[in-house]
Amino acid sequence: MEALFFGIGIGIVGMSAAAWGMFDRWVEHKEKLAEKDDVASQKIAALSSENEQLSQHIIAMHDRVAMLERIATDRETSSAKLSDEIENLRS
């Protein structure tokens, strides 16, 4: 009878150790997943910031091109008048 209790005791200890090992692996796995999520969140934040900066840069470049187009096509500017005067003097 004592051998049976000893065997059951050994079995319980073995099952407890196995369960603890599984629980410990599960916790480590969850921690690794959380770390990956943190890295992914940081990358997303960095890309969002870069995207905002690039969007602002594109807006600024668009405004500059619009200004240059207006200067190039506006015949009332002093540079257009000066160019016309130079052409008249050449004639």
Protein backbone atom coordinates (compact mmCIF):
# COMPACT_ATOMS: atom_id res chain seq x y z
CA MET A 1 0.00 0.00 0.00
CA GLU A 2 2.85 2.33 0.79
CA ALA A 3 4.31 1.74 -2.66
CA LEU A 4 1.01 2.81 -4.21
CA PHE A 5 0.99 6.07 -2.22
CA PHE A 6 4.66 6.60 -3.04
CA GLY A 7 3.93 6.08 -6.75
CA ILE A 8 0.94 8.43 -6.63
CA GLY A 9 3.07 11.03 -4.80
CA ILE A 10 5.83 10.76 -7.39
CA GLY A 11 3.19 11.06 -10.15
CA ILE A 12 1.68 14.18 -8.58
CA VAL A 13 5.11 15.79 -8.20
CA GLY A 14 5.98 14.91 -11.80
CA MET A 15 2.67 16.26 -13.13
CA SER A 16 3.11 19.44 -11.09
CA ALA A 17 6.60 19.96 -12.48
CA ALA A 18 5.36 19.41 -16.02
CA ALA A 19 2.46 21.79 -15.48
CA TRP A 20 4.80 24.42 -14.06
CA GLY A 21 7.13 24.02 -17.03
CA MET A 22 4.24 24.46 -19.46
CA PHE A 23 3.01 27.52 -17.56
CA ASP A 24 6.51 29.01 -17.56
CA ARG A 25 6.85 28.48 -21.33
CA TRP A 26 3.44 30.05 -21.88
CA VAL A 27 4.44 33.13 -19.87
CA GLU A 28 7.71 33.45 -21.83
CA HIS A 29 5.78 33.14 -25.08
CA LYS A 30 3.37 35.89 -24.01
CA GLU A 31 6.29 38.15 -23.05
CA LYS A 32 7.93 37.61 -26.46
CA LEU A 33 4.66 38.44 -28.20
CA ALA A 34 4.34 41.61 -26.12
CA GLU A 35 7.90 42.62 -27.08
CA LYS A 36 7.11 42.07 -30.76
CA ASP A 37 3.97 44.17 -30.39
CA ASP A 38 6.00 46.96 -28.76
CA VAL A 39 8.56 46.90 -31.59
CA ALA A 40 5.78 46.91 -34.17
CA SER A 41 4.09 49.84 -32.40
CA GLN A 42 7.35 51.78 -32.37
CA LYS A 43 7.88 51.12 -36.07
CA ILE A 44 4.33 52.21 -36.86
CA ALA A 45 4.80 55.40 -34.83
CA ALA A 46 8.10 56.16 -36.61
CA LEU A 47 6.56 55.54 -40.04
CA SER A 48 3.55 57.69 -39.18
CA SER A 49 5.83 60.52 -38.12
CA GLU A 50 7.92 60.20 -41.30
CA ASN A 51 4.74 60.09 -43.38
CA GLU A 52 3.51 63.32 -41.77
CA GLN A 53 6.85 65.03 -42.44
CA LEU A 54 6.83 63.91 -46.06
CA SER A 55 3.25 65.08 -46.49
CA GLN A 56 4.19 68.52 -45.16
CA HIS A 57 7.20 68.60 -47.49
CA ILE A 58 5.01 67.71 -50.49
CA ILE A 59 2.55 70.46 -49.57
CA ALA A 60 5.41 72.98 -49.36
CA MET A 61 6.81 71.84 -52.72
CA HIS A 62 3.35 72.08 -54.29
CA ASP A 63 3.01 75.64 -53.02
CA ARG A 64 6.43 76.55 -54.42
CA VAL A 65 5.63 75.09 -57.84
CA ALA A 66 2.32 76.97 -57.87
CA MET A 67 4.18 80.20 -57.07
CA LEU A 68 6.72 79.57 -59.83
CA GLU A 69 3.93 78.85 -62.31
CA ARG A 70 2.22 82.07 -61.34
CA ILE A 71 5.45 84.05 -61.73
CA ALA A 72 6.18 82.44 -65.10
CA THR A 73 2.72 83.11 -66.53
CA ASP A 74 1.97 86.46 -64.92
CA ARG A 75 2.67 89.18 -67.47
CA GLU A 76 2.25 91.96 -64.91
CA THR A 77 5.42 91.18 -62.96
CA SER A 78 8.45 93.38 -63.20
CA SER A 79 10.58 90.51 -64.53
CA ALA A 80 8.18 90.05 -67.47
CA LYS A 81 8.17 93.79 -68.13
CA LEU A 82 11.95 93.90 -67.97
CA SER A 83 12.18 90.98 -70.39
CA ASP A 84 9.80 92.74 -72.79
CA GLU A 85 11.81 95.96 -72.60
CA ILE A 86 15.04 94.09 -73.35
CA GLU A 87 13.41 92.42 -76.37
CA ASN A 88 12.12 95.82 -77.60
CA LEU A 89 15.61 97.28 -77.32
CA ARG A 90 17.07 94.43 -79.37
CA SER A 91 14.67 95.13 -82.22
